[in-house]
């Protein structure tokens, strides 16, 4: 339990742990079935404050990630790799460009050779952007929390909760809104676009 007045969220369980999108090691197999989730991303320059508020949460890992985004019009496709790891993940997702809590659908595939797949895709699809970041991954009562330091963009916080069923949708949205209040995130810091959009506009 975090210090202070923690948000009203569901209890954690091994069942929740099995559904998280990003395993602690990129080489770990991922579930290829489509995932519906709610998420929220915001600028958050004081990551020290975020770590203090997450005291008691499970720190899964800290990794240096490289995301290569490919141009597909309104569709979104990226290849995720981790520095010093050969394996990676191919990620397709559908998500509206709106601030605050949003819903998305994600499909993942484990890739045994990320660099080879990147070279193949780059011959077929234009590369939109490459985003490099250091990501701290935490698990807090059914929510995956990311603290990101993104090269050239700044620092951010992100919450993701996988929806186990349609009936979980409203509870998920309320939980992330509660976390937003707990972390004191103002409207001006909410992000509607992805890191790739910010890199492309920079």
N, C-alpha and C. Protein backbone atom coordinates (compact mmCIF):
# COMPACT_ATOMS: atom_id res chain seq x y z
N UNK A 1 0.85 -1.20 0.00
CA UNK A 1 0.00 0.00 0.00
C UNK A 1 0.88 1.24 0.00
N UNK A 2 0.56 2.22 -0.81
CA UNK A 2 1.35 3.43 -0.86
C UNK A 2 1.08 4.28 0.35
N UNK A 3 2.01 5.19 0.64
CA UNK A 3 1.83 6.08 1.77
C UNK A 3 0.75 7.10 1.45
N UNK A 4 0.12 7.61 2.52
CA UNK A 4 -0.90 8.64 2.35
C UNK A 4 -2.23 8.03 1.97
N UNK A 5 -3.06 8.84 1.34
CA UNK A 5 -4.40 8.40 0.97
C UNK A 5 -4.36 7.75 -0.40
N UNK A 6 -4.36 6.43 -0.41
CA UNK A 6 -4.23 5.72 -1.69
C UNK A 6 -5.56 5.68 -2.40
N UNK A 7 -5.54 5.58 -3.75
CA UNK A 7 -6.78 5.56 -4.50
C UNK A 7 -7.55 4.28 -4.27
N UNK A 8 -8.84 4.36 -4.54
CA UNK A 8 -9.72 3.21 -4.36
C UNK A 8 -9.60 2.31 -5.57
N UNK A 9 -8.81 1.25 -5.44
CA UNK A 9 -8.54 0.37 -6.57
C UNK A 9 -8.77 -1.07 -6.15
N UNK A 10 -8.86 -1.94 -7.16
CA UNK A 10 -9.11 -3.34 -6.88
C UNK A 10 -7.86 -4.01 -6.33
N UNK A 11 -8.04 -5.13 -5.67
CA UNK A 11 -6.90 -5.84 -5.10
C UNK A 11 -6.15 -6.57 -6.20
N UNK A 12 -4.83 -6.76 -5.98
CA UNK A 12 -3.98 -7.44 -6.94
C UNK A 12 -4.16 -8.95 -6.80
N UNK A 13 -3.81 -9.71 -7.83
CA UNK A 13 -3.89 -11.16 -7.77
C UNK A 13 -2.99 -11.73 -8.83
N UNK A 14 -2.71 -13.04 -8.73
CA UNK A 14 -1.89 -13.68 -9.74
C UNK A 14 -2.57 -13.64 -11.10
N UNK A 15 -3.92 -13.66 -11.10
CA UNK A 15 -4.63 -13.57 -12.38
C UNK A 15 -4.36 -12.27 -13.09
N UNK A 16 -4.32 -11.17 -12.32
CA UNK A 16 -3.98 -9.87 -12.91
C UNK A 16 -2.57 -9.90 -13.48
N UNK A 17 -1.64 -10.47 -12.73
CA UNK A 17 -0.24 -10.44 -13.14
C UNK A 17 -0.05 -11.11 -14.50
N UNK A 18 -0.86 -12.10 -14.78
CA UNK A 18 -0.71 -12.84 -16.03
C UNK A 18 -1.13 -12.01 -17.24
N UNK A 19 -1.85 -10.92 -17.05
CA UNK A 19 -2.38 -10.17 -18.18
C UNK A 19 -1.61 -8.90 -18.50
N UNK A 20 -0.54 -8.61 -17.77
CA UNK A 20 0.16 -7.36 -18.04
C UNK A 20 0.82 -7.39 -19.42
N UNK A 21 0.83 -6.23 -20.05
CA UNK A 21 1.25 -6.16 -21.44
C UNK A 21 2.74 -6.37 -21.63
N UNK A 22 3.55 -5.86 -20.72
CA UNK A 22 4.98 -5.89 -20.94
C UNK A 22 5.66 -6.77 -19.89
N UNK A 23 6.11 -7.97 -20.25
CA UNK A 23 6.82 -8.81 -19.29
C UNK A 23 8.09 -8.11 -18.81
N UNK A 24 8.61 -8.54 -17.67
CA UNK A 24 9.81 -7.90 -17.12
C UNK A 24 11.00 -8.08 -18.05
N UNK A 25 11.03 -9.17 -18.81
CA UNK A 25 12.08 -9.39 -19.80
C UNK A 25 11.44 -9.42 -21.17
N UNK A 26 12.06 -8.72 -22.12
CA UNK A 26 11.46 -8.65 -23.45
C UNK A 26 11.44 -10.02 -24.11
N UNK A 27 12.30 -10.94 -23.66
CA UNK A 27 12.34 -12.28 -24.25
C UNK A 27 11.20 -13.16 -23.75
N UNK A 28 10.51 -12.73 -22.69
CA UNK A 28 9.40 -13.53 -22.17
C UNK A 28 8.27 -13.56 -23.19
N UNK A 29 7.61 -14.71 -23.38
CA UNK A 29 6.52 -14.79 -24.34
C UNK A 29 5.35 -13.92 -23.92
N UNK A 30 4.66 -13.35 -24.91
CA UNK A 30 3.48 -12.53 -24.63
C UNK A 30 2.25 -13.23 -25.18
N UNK A 31 1.13 -12.95 -24.59
CA UNK A 31 -0.14 -13.51 -25.03
C UNK A 31 -0.55 -12.81 -26.32
N UNK A 32 -0.71 -13.56 -27.43
CA UNK A 32 -1.03 -12.93 -28.72
C UNK A 32 -2.49 -12.50 -28.86
N UNK A 33 -3.34 -12.88 -27.92
CA UNK A 33 -4.74 -12.51 -28.02
C UNK A 33 -4.91 -10.99 -27.87
N UNK A 34 -5.85 -10.37 -28.60
CA UNK A 34 -6.08 -8.93 -28.46
C UNK A 34 -6.42 -8.56 -27.02
N UNK A 35 -5.90 -7.43 -26.56
CA UNK A 35 -6.16 -6.94 -25.21
C UNK A 35 -6.91 -5.61 -25.30
N UNK A 36 -7.98 -5.51 -24.57
CA UNK A 36 -8.66 -4.22 -24.40
C UNK A 36 -8.18 -3.63 -23.08
N UNK A 37 -7.85 -2.38 -23.09
CA UNK A 37 -7.35 -1.76 -21.87
C UNK A 37 -7.75 -0.31 -21.78
N UNK A 38 -7.62 0.23 -20.58
CA UNK A 38 -7.74 1.67 -20.36
C UNK A 38 -6.36 2.18 -19.98
N UNK A 39 -6.04 3.38 -20.40
CA UNK A 39 -4.72 3.93 -20.13
C UNK A 39 -4.78 5.43 -19.98
N UNK A 40 -3.75 5.96 -19.37
CA UNK A 40 -3.60 7.40 -19.21
C UNK A 40 -2.12 7.71 -19.22
N UNK A 41 -1.74 8.76 -19.97
CA UNK A 41 -0.35 9.18 -20.05
C UNK A 41 -0.28 10.68 -19.82
N UNK A 42 0.74 11.11 -19.09
CA UNK A 42 0.88 12.53 -18.78
C UNK A 42 2.35 12.89 -18.60
N UNK A 43 2.64 14.17 -18.83
CA UNK A 43 3.97 14.68 -18.46
C UNK A 43 4.08 14.66 -16.94
N UNK A 44 5.29 14.31 -16.46
CA UNK A 44 5.48 14.22 -15.01
C UNK A 44 6.97 14.37 -14.74
N UNK A 45 7.41 15.60 -14.62
CA UNK A 45 8.85 15.87 -14.54
C UNK A 45 9.47 15.40 -13.23
N UNK A 46 8.69 15.31 -12.15
CA UNK A 46 9.24 14.92 -10.84
C UNK A 46 9.04 13.42 -10.63
N UNK A 47 9.92 12.61 -11.25
CA UNK A 47 9.79 11.16 -11.09
C UNK A 47 10.14 10.72 -9.68
N UNK A 48 10.92 11.52 -8.97
CA UNK A 48 11.20 11.22 -7.57
C UNK A 48 9.93 11.23 -6.74
N UNK A 49 9.07 12.20 -6.99
CA UNK A 49 7.78 12.27 -6.31
C UNK A 49 6.94 11.04 -6.66
N UNK A 50 6.94 10.65 -7.94
CA UNK A 50 6.17 9.48 -8.35
C UNK A 50 6.66 8.23 -7.64
N UNK A 51 7.98 8.07 -7.53
CA UNK A 51 8.52 6.90 -6.83
C UNK A 51 8.09 6.89 -5.37
N UNK A 52 8.06 8.06 -4.74
CA UNK A 52 7.63 8.13 -3.35
C UNK A 52 6.17 7.71 -3.21
N UNK A 53 5.34 8.14 -4.14
CA UNK A 53 3.93 7.77 -4.10
C UNK A 53 3.71 6.29 -4.40
N UNK A 54 4.69 5.67 -5.07
CA UNK A 54 4.60 4.26 -5.40
C UNK A 54 5.29 3.38 -4.36
N UNK A 55 5.73 3.95 -3.26
CA UNK A 55 6.38 3.16 -2.21
C UNK A 55 5.45 2.02 -1.78
N UNK A 56 5.96 0.81 -1.81
CA UNK A 56 5.14 -0.35 -1.49
C UNK A 56 4.64 -1.08 -2.73
N UNK A 57 4.66 -0.43 -3.88
CA UNK A 57 4.30 -1.11 -5.12
C UNK A 57 5.45 -2.04 -5.54
N UNK A 58 5.16 -2.98 -6.41
CA UNK A 58 6.20 -3.89 -6.90
C UNK A 58 6.95 -3.23 -8.05
N UNK A 59 8.26 -3.05 -7.87
CA UNK A 59 9.09 -2.55 -8.97
C UNK A 59 9.52 -3.76 -9.79
N UNK A 60 8.99 -3.87 -11.01
CA UNK A 60 9.23 -5.03 -11.84
C UNK A 60 10.63 -4.99 -12.45
N UNK A 61 10.96 -3.88 -13.09
CA UNK A 61 12.25 -3.77 -13.75
C UNK A 61 12.45 -2.34 -14.24
N UNK A 62 13.67 -2.02 -14.61
CA UNK A 62 14.00 -0.78 -15.32
C UNK A 62 14.76 -1.17 -16.57
N UNK A 63 14.29 -0.71 -17.72
CA UNK A 63 14.91 -1.10 -19.00
C UNK A 63 15.09 0.12 -19.89
N UNK A 64 16.01 -0.01 -20.82
CA UNK A 64 16.19 1.01 -21.87
C UNK A 64 15.55 0.47 -23.14
N UNK A 65 14.47 1.10 -23.55
CA UNK A 65 13.69 0.63 -24.69
C UNK A 65 13.92 1.50 -25.92
N UNK A 66 13.84 0.86 -27.07
CA UNK A 66 13.86 1.57 -28.35
C UNK A 66 12.61 1.15 -29.12
N UNK A 67 11.74 2.11 -29.40
CA UNK A 67 10.52 1.86 -30.15
C UNK A 67 10.64 2.47 -31.54
N UNK A 68 10.49 1.64 -32.55
CA UNK A 68 10.49 2.10 -33.94
C UNK A 68 9.06 2.09 -34.45
N UNK A 69 8.54 3.28 -34.81
CA UNK A 69 7.17 3.42 -35.27
C UNK A 69 7.15 3.47 -36.80
N UNK A 70 6.19 2.77 -37.39
CA UNK A 70 6.05 2.73 -38.84
C UNK A 70 4.79 3.47 -39.27
N UNK A 71 4.85 4.13 -40.42
CA UNK A 71 3.72 4.92 -40.92
C UNK A 71 2.68 4.01 -41.56
N UNK A 72 1.48 4.06 -41.00
CA UNK A 72 0.36 3.28 -41.52
C UNK A 72 -0.91 4.10 -41.55
N UNK A 73 -0.79 5.40 -41.77
CA UNK A 73 -1.97 6.25 -41.74
C UNK A 73 -2.50 6.37 -40.32
N UNK A 74 -3.79 6.08 -40.13
CA UNK A 74 -4.39 6.16 -38.81
C UNK A 74 -4.09 4.93 -37.96
N UNK A 75 -3.60 3.87 -38.57
CA UNK A 75 -3.24 2.68 -37.82
C UNK A 75 -1.87 2.86 -37.18
N UNK A 76 -1.59 2.06 -36.15
CA UNK A 76 -0.36 2.25 -35.38
C UNK A 76 0.38 0.91 -35.26
N UNK A 77 1.65 0.93 -35.64
CA UNK A 77 2.49 -0.27 -35.56
C UNK A 77 3.87 0.15 -35.11
N UNK A 78 4.39 -0.57 -34.11
CA UNK A 78 5.75 -0.28 -33.65
C UNK A 78 6.47 -1.58 -33.31
N UNK A 79 7.78 -1.52 -33.42
CA UNK A 79 8.64 -2.62 -33.01
C UNK A 79 9.38 -2.18 -31.76
N UNK A 80 9.23 -2.93 -30.70
CA UNK A 80 9.88 -2.58 -29.43
C UNK A 80 11.07 -3.50 -29.19
N UNK A 81 12.20 -2.90 -28.89
CA UNK A 81 13.39 -3.67 -28.52
C UNK A 81 13.95 -3.09 -27.23
N UNK A 82 14.79 -3.87 -26.57
CA UNK A 82 15.45 -3.46 -25.34
C UNK A 82 16.94 -3.50 -25.58
N UNK A 83 17.64 -2.47 -25.14
CA UNK A 83 19.09 -2.40 -25.32
C UNK A 83 19.73 -3.65 -24.73
N UNK A 84 20.65 -4.25 -25.49
CA UNK A 84 21.40 -5.46 -25.11
C UNK A 84 20.56 -6.73 -25.14
N UNK A 85 19.37 -6.68 -25.74
CA UNK A 85 18.56 -7.89 -25.93
C UNK A 85 18.29 -8.09 -27.41
N UNK A 86 18.37 -9.33 -27.88
CA UNK A 86 18.13 -9.62 -29.29
C UNK A 86 16.64 -9.67 -29.59
N UNK A 87 15.86 -10.15 -28.64
CA UNK A 87 14.43 -10.32 -28.85
C UNK A 87 13.70 -8.98 -28.80
N UNK A 88 12.47 -8.99 -29.25
CA UNK A 88 11.65 -7.79 -29.20
C UNK A 88 10.18 -8.14 -29.26
N UNK A 89 9.36 -7.12 -29.43
CA UNK A 89 7.91 -7.30 -29.53
C UNK A 89 7.38 -6.42 -30.65
N UNK A 90 6.53 -7.00 -31.48
CA UNK A 90 5.81 -6.25 -32.50
C UNK A 90 4.45 -5.89 -31.92
N UNK A 91 4.10 -4.61 -32.00
CA UNK A 91 2.91 -4.11 -31.31
C UNK A 91 2.02 -3.37 -32.30
N UNK A 92 0.79 -3.84 -32.43
CA UNK A 92 -0.23 -3.11 -33.19
C UNK A 92 -1.27 -2.63 -32.20
N UNK A 93 -1.68 -1.36 -32.32
CA UNK A 93 -2.69 -0.88 -31.37
C UNK A 93 -3.61 0.16 -32.00
N UNK A 94 -4.81 0.20 -31.49
CA UNK A 94 -5.82 1.16 -31.91
C UNK A 94 -6.17 2.01 -30.69
N UNK A 95 -6.04 3.34 -30.83
CA UNK A 95 -6.25 4.22 -29.69
C UNK A 95 -6.61 5.62 -30.18
N UNK A 96 -7.62 6.26 -29.60
CA UNK A 96 -7.98 7.62 -30.01
C UNK A 96 -6.98 8.64 -29.48
N UNK A 97 -6.80 9.73 -30.20
CA UNK A 97 -5.91 10.81 -29.77
C UNK A 97 -6.69 11.79 -28.90
N UNK A 98 -6.95 11.38 -27.68
CA UNK A 98 -7.66 12.23 -26.72
C UNK A 98 -6.88 12.22 -25.41
N UNK A 99 -6.97 13.30 -24.67
CA UNK A 99 -6.30 13.38 -23.39
C UNK A 99 -7.10 12.66 -22.31
N UNK A 100 -6.46 12.40 -21.17
CA UNK A 100 -7.14 11.75 -20.06
C UNK A 100 -7.21 10.26 -20.25
N UNK A 101 -8.15 9.63 -19.54
CA UNK A 101 -8.32 8.18 -19.63
C UNK A 101 -8.89 7.83 -21.00
N UNK A 102 -8.27 6.87 -21.66
CA UNK A 102 -8.75 6.45 -22.98
C UNK A 102 -8.72 4.94 -23.07
N UNK A 103 -9.51 4.40 -23.98
CA UNK A 103 -9.54 2.96 -24.20
C UNK A 103 -8.75 2.63 -25.45
N UNK A 104 -8.14 1.46 -25.45
CA UNK A 104 -7.38 1.03 -26.62
C UNK A 104 -7.43 -0.48 -26.75
N UNK A 105 -7.06 -0.95 -27.92
CA UNK A 105 -6.94 -2.39 -28.18
C UNK A 105 -5.53 -2.64 -28.69
N UNK A 106 -4.90 -3.67 -28.13
CA UNK A 106 -3.50 -3.95 -28.42
C UNK A 106 -3.33 -5.40 -28.82
N UNK A 107 -2.51 -5.64 -29.85
CA UNK A 107 -2.09 -6.99 -30.24
C UNK A 107 -0.57 -7.04 -30.19
N UNK A 108 -0.04 -8.09 -29.57
CA UNK A 108 1.40 -8.24 -29.39
C UNK A 108 1.89 -9.54 -30.01
N UNK A 109 3.14 -9.52 -30.47
CA UNK A 109 3.79 -10.74 -30.94
C UNK A 109 5.24 -10.72 -30.49
N UNK A 110 5.71 -11.82 -29.93
CA UNK A 110 7.11 -11.94 -29.55
C UNK A 110 7.95 -12.13 -30.80
N UNK A 111 9.07 -11.41 -30.87
CA UNK A 111 9.96 -11.44 -32.02
C UNK A 111 11.33 -11.97 -31.58
N UNK A 112 11.84 -13.06 -32.18
CA UNK A 112 13.13 -13.59 -31.73
C UNK A 112 14.33 -12.75 -32.15
N UNK A 113 14.20 -11.98 -33.26
CA UNK A 113 15.31 -11.17 -33.75
C UNK A 113 14.75 -9.80 -34.14
N UNK A 114 14.76 -8.85 -33.21
CA UNK A 114 14.13 -7.55 -33.43
C UNK A 114 14.81 -6.76 -34.55
N UNK A 115 16.13 -6.80 -34.61
CA UNK A 115 16.84 -6.02 -35.62
C UNK A 115 16.52 -6.52 -37.03
N UNK A 116 16.45 -7.84 -37.20
CA UNK A 116 16.14 -8.39 -38.53
C UNK A 116 14.72 -7.99 -38.95
N UNK A 117 13.78 -8.06 -38.02
CA UNK A 117 12.40 -7.68 -38.34
C UNK A 117 12.32 -6.19 -38.65
N UNK A 118 13.08 -5.38 -37.93
CA UNK A 118 13.09 -3.94 -38.20
C UNK A 118 13.58 -3.66 -39.62
N UNK A 119 14.64 -4.33 -40.02
CA UNK A 119 15.18 -4.11 -41.36
C UNK A 119 14.19 -4.53 -42.44
N UNK A 120 13.47 -5.62 -42.20
CA UNK A 120 12.48 -6.07 -43.18
C UNK A 120 11.32 -5.08 -43.27
N UNK A 121 10.79 -4.68 -42.12
CA UNK A 121 9.66 -3.76 -42.12
C UNK A 121 10.04 -2.40 -42.73
N UNK A 122 11.25 -1.95 -42.47
CA UNK A 122 11.69 -0.65 -42.99
C UNK A 122 11.81 -0.65 -44.51
N UNK A 123 11.94 -1.83 -45.12
CA UNK A 123 11.98 -1.91 -46.57
C UNK A 123 10.58 -1.83 -47.19
N UNK A 124 9.57 -2.08 -46.36
CA UNK A 124 8.20 -2.11 -46.84
C UNK A 124 7.40 -0.88 -46.40
N UNK A 125 7.66 -0.42 -45.17
CA UNK A 125 6.90 0.68 -44.58
C UNK A 125 7.83 1.83 -44.21
N UNK A 126 7.40 3.08 -44.42
CA UNK A 126 8.22 4.21 -43.98
C UNK A 126 8.34 4.21 -42.46
N UNK A 127 9.54 4.51 -41.96
CA UNK A 127 9.75 4.66 -40.53
C UNK A 127 9.29 6.06 -40.12
N UNK A 128 8.34 6.12 -39.22
CA UNK A 128 7.79 7.39 -38.77
C UNK A 128 8.69 8.06 -37.74
N UNK A 129 9.16 7.28 -36.77
CA UNK A 129 9.98 7.85 -35.69
C UNK A 129 10.65 6.73 -34.93
N UNK A 130 11.73 7.10 -34.24
CA UNK A 130 12.38 6.18 -33.31
C UNK A 130 12.43 6.87 -31.95
N UNK A 131 11.90 6.20 -30.95
CA UNK A 131 11.82 6.77 -29.60
C UNK A 131 12.66 5.94 -28.66
N UNK A 132 13.58 6.61 -27.96
CA UNK A 132 14.44 5.94 -26.99
C UNK A 132 14.10 6.44 -25.59
N UNK A 133 13.94 5.52 -24.68
CA UNK A 133 13.56 5.91 -23.32
C UNK A 133 14.07 4.92 -22.29
N UNK A 134 14.21 5.41 -21.09
CA UNK A 134 14.42 4.54 -19.94
C UNK A 134 13.08 4.41 -19.23
N UNK A 135 12.63 3.19 -19.05
CA UNK A 135 11.31 2.95 -18.47
C UNK A 135 11.43 2.15 -17.18
N UNK A 136 10.85 2.68 -16.12
CA UNK A 136 10.69 1.96 -14.86
C UNK A 136 9.28 1.39 -14.83
N UNK A 137 9.16 0.10 -14.60
CA UNK A 137 7.86 -0.57 -14.63
C UNK A 137 7.49 -1.01 -13.22
N UNK A 138 6.30 -0.61 -12.80
CA UNK A 138 5.76 -0.98 -11.49
C UNK A 138 4.41 -1.65 -11.67
N UNK A 139 4.05 -2.50 -10.70
CA UNK A 139 2.72 -3.07 -10.64
C UNK A 139 2.08 -2.61 -9.35
N UNK A 140 0.93 -1.97 -9.48
CA UNK A 140 0.26 -1.42 -8.31
C UNK A 140 -1.22 -1.76 -8.35
N UNK A 141 -1.61 -2.77 -7.60
CA UNK A 141 -3.01 -3.15 -7.44
C UNK A 141 -3.78 -3.26 -8.76
N UNK A 142 -3.27 -4.08 -9.66
CA UNK A 142 -3.96 -4.33 -10.91
C UNK A 142 -3.66 -3.34 -12.02
N UNK A 143 -2.82 -2.35 -11.76
CA UNK A 143 -2.45 -1.35 -12.77
C UNK A 143 -0.94 -1.43 -13.01
N UNK A 144 -0.56 -1.38 -14.27
CA UNK A 144 0.86 -1.30 -14.61
C UNK A 144 1.22 0.17 -14.76
N UNK A 145 2.23 0.60 -14.04
CA UNK A 145 2.64 2.00 -14.01
C UNK A 145 4.03 2.11 -14.64
N UNK A 146 4.17 3.05 -15.56
CA UNK A 146 5.45 3.30 -16.22
C UNK A 146 5.94 4.70 -15.88
N UNK A 147 7.18 4.80 -15.45
CA UNK A 147 7.85 6.09 -15.30
C UNK A 147 8.89 6.16 -16.41
N UNK A 148 8.70 7.10 -17.34
CA UNK A 148 9.51 7.18 -18.54
C UNK A 148 10.35 8.44 -18.59
N UNK A 149 11.63 8.26 -18.90
CA UNK A 149 12.51 9.38 -19.24
C UNK A 149 12.82 9.23 -20.72
N UNK A 150 12.21 10.06 -21.56
CA UNK A 150 12.28 9.91 -23.02
C UNK A 150 13.29 10.89 -23.59
N UNK A 151 14.21 10.36 -24.35
CA UNK A 151 15.27 11.19 -24.93
C UNK A 151 14.67 12.30 -25.79
N UNK A 152 15.03 13.54 -25.48
CA UNK A 152 14.60 14.68 -26.26
C UNK A 152 13.20 15.19 -25.95
N UNK A 153 12.45 14.49 -25.09
CA UNK A 153 11.07 14.89 -24.81
C UNK A 153 10.81 15.23 -23.36
N UNK A 154 11.47 14.55 -22.42
CA UNK A 154 11.23 14.82 -21.01
C UNK A 154 10.81 13.58 -20.26
N UNK A 155 10.05 13.78 -19.18
CA UNK A 155 9.67 12.70 -18.28
C UNK A 155 8.15 12.58 -18.22
N UNK A 156 7.70 11.34 -18.09
CA UNK A 156 6.27 11.05 -18.20
C UNK A 156 5.87 9.94 -17.24
N UNK A 157 4.57 9.85 -16.98
CA UNK A 157 4.00 8.74 -16.23
C UNK A 157 2.86 8.15 -17.05
N UNK A 158 2.70 6.85 -16.97
CA UNK A 158 1.66 6.18 -17.75
C UNK A 158 1.03 5.08 -16.89
N UNK A 159 -0.30 4.96 -16.97
CA UNK A 159 -1.03 3.91 -16.28
C UNK A 159 -1.73 3.05 -17.32
N UNK A 160 -1.66 1.72 -17.15
CA UNK A 160 -2.35 0.80 -18.04
C UNK A 160 -3.06 -0.26 -17.21
N UNK A 161 -4.32 -0.49 -17.52
CA UNK A 161 -5.05 -1.58 -16.87
C UNK A 161 -5.76 -2.39 -17.95
N UNK A 162 -5.48 -3.67 -17.99
CA UNK A 162 -6.15 -4.57 -18.93
C UNK A 162 -7.56 -4.83 -18.44
N UNK A 163 -8.52 -4.78 -19.36
CA UNK A 163 -9.91 -5.04 -19.03
C UNK A 163 -10.19 -6.53 -19.16
N UNK A 164 -10.53 -7.16 -18.06
CA UNK A 164 -10.77 -8.60 -18.07
C UNK A 164 -12.08 -8.94 -18.77
N UNK A 165 -13.04 -8.00 -18.73
CA UNK A 165 -14.35 -8.22 -19.36
C UNK A 165 -14.99 -6.88 -19.63
N UNK A 166 -16.06 -6.88 -20.41
CA UNK A 166 -16.78 -5.65 -20.73
C UNK A 166 -17.26 -4.96 -19.46
N UNK A 167 -17.65 -5.74 -18.48
CA UNK A 167 -18.16 -5.18 -17.24
C UNK A 167 -17.07 -4.48 -16.43
N UNK A 168 -15.81 -4.68 -16.80
CA UNK A 168 -14.69 -4.08 -16.08
C UNK A 168 -14.36 -2.67 -16.58
N UNK A 169 -15.01 -2.27 -17.67
CA UNK A 169 -14.64 -1.04 -18.36
C UNK A 169 -14.81 0.20 -17.47
N UNK A 170 -15.96 0.37 -16.87
CA UNK A 170 -16.22 1.57 -16.08
C UNK A 170 -15.36 1.59 -14.82
N UNK A 171 -15.19 0.43 -14.20
CA UNK A 171 -14.33 0.36 -13.01
C UNK A 171 -12.89 0.72 -13.36
N UNK A 172 -12.45 0.30 -14.53
CA UNK A 172 -11.10 0.62 -14.97
C UNK A 172 -10.90 2.11 -15.18
N UNK A 173 -11.87 2.75 -15.80
CA UNK A 173 -11.77 4.19 -16.03
C UNK A 173 -11.75 4.94 -14.70
N UNK A 174 -12.61 4.53 -13.77
CA UNK A 174 -12.65 5.20 -12.48
C UNK A 174 -11.34 5.01 -11.71
N UNK A 175 -10.75 3.83 -11.86
CA UNK A 175 -9.50 3.57 -11.16
C UNK A 175 -8.38 4.48 -11.66
N UNK A 176 -8.29 4.66 -12.97
CA UNK A 176 -7.23 5.52 -13.50
C UNK A 176 -7.49 6.98 -13.17
N UNK A 177 -8.76 7.39 -13.13
CA UNK A 177 -9.06 8.75 -12.69
C UNK A 177 -8.65 8.95 -11.24
N UNK A 178 -8.84 7.92 -10.43
CA UNK A 178 -8.43 7.99 -9.03
C UNK A 178 -6.91 8.10 -8.92
N UNK A 179 -6.20 7.36 -9.76
CA UNK A 179 -4.74 7.46 -9.76
C UNK A 179 -4.27 8.83 -10.23
N UNK A 180 -4.98 9.38 -11.20
CA UNK A 180 -4.63 10.73 -11.66
C UNK A 180 -4.73 11.73 -10.51
N UNK A 181 -5.78 11.61 -9.72
CA UNK A 181 -5.94 12.50 -8.56
C UNK A 181 -4.84 12.25 -7.54
N UNK A 182 -4.55 10.99 -7.29
CA UNK A 182 -3.53 10.63 -6.30
C UNK A 182 -2.15 11.19 -6.68
N UNK A 183 -1.83 11.16 -7.97
CA UNK A 183 -0.53 11.66 -8.44
C UNK A 183 -0.57 13.15 -8.78
N UNK A 184 -1.72 13.79 -8.57
CA UNK A 184 -1.87 15.23 -8.74
C UNK A 184 -1.47 15.68 -10.15
N UNK A 185 -2.12 15.08 -11.14
CA UNK A 185 -1.82 15.39 -12.54
C UNK A 185 -2.82 16.42 -13.06
N UNK A 186 -2.38 17.62 -13.41
CA UNK A 186 -3.31 18.64 -13.91
C UNK A 186 -3.71 18.37 -15.36
N UNK A 187 -4.80 19.02 -15.78
CA UNK A 187 -5.29 18.85 -17.16
C UNK A 187 -4.22 19.18 -18.19
N UNK A 188 -3.44 20.23 -17.95
CA UNK A 188 -2.45 20.68 -18.93
C UNK A 188 -1.37 19.65 -19.20
N UNK A 189 -1.17 18.70 -18.27
CA UNK A 189 -0.10 17.72 -18.44
C UNK A 189 -0.59 16.42 -19.07
N UNK A 190 -1.89 16.27 -19.28
CA UNK A 190 -2.42 15.07 -19.93
C UNK A 190 -2.00 15.03 -21.39
N UNK A 191 -1.66 13.85 -21.87
CA UNK A 191 -1.20 13.69 -23.25
C UNK A 191 -2.26 13.00 -24.10
N UNK A 192 -2.50 13.56 -25.28
CA UNK A 192 -3.42 12.94 -26.23
C UNK A 192 -2.66 12.11 -27.26
N UNK A 193 -1.45 12.51 -27.58
CA UNK A 193 -0.68 11.86 -28.64
C UNK A 193 0.37 10.93 -28.06
N UNK A 194 1.00 10.16 -28.96
CA UNK A 194 2.04 9.24 -28.54
C UNK A 194 3.41 9.93 -28.58
N UNK A 195 4.41 9.26 -28.03
CA UNK A 195 5.77 9.80 -28.10
C UNK A 195 6.23 10.00 -29.55
N UNK A 196 5.79 9.11 -30.42
CA UNK A 196 6.20 9.22 -31.83
C UNK A 196 5.68 10.50 -32.47
N UNK A 197 4.48 10.94 -32.07
CA UNK A 197 3.93 12.18 -32.61
C UNK A 197 4.73 13.38 -32.12
N UNK A 198 5.17 13.33 -30.86
CA UNK A 198 5.96 14.43 -30.30
C UNK A 198 7.33 14.49 -30.96
N UNK A 199 7.93 13.33 -31.21
CA UNK A 199 9.23 13.30 -31.89
C UNK A 199 9.10 13.85 -33.30
N UNK A 200 8.02 13.43 -33.98
CA UNK A 200 7.81 13.86 -35.35
C UNK A 200 7.54 15.35 -35.48
N UNK A 201 6.98 15.97 -34.43
CA UNK A 201 6.67 17.40 -34.49
C UNK A 201 7.80 18.27 -33.95
N UNK A 202 8.84 17.61 -33.39
CA UNK A 202 9.93 18.36 -32.78
C UNK A 202 10.94 18.88 -33.77
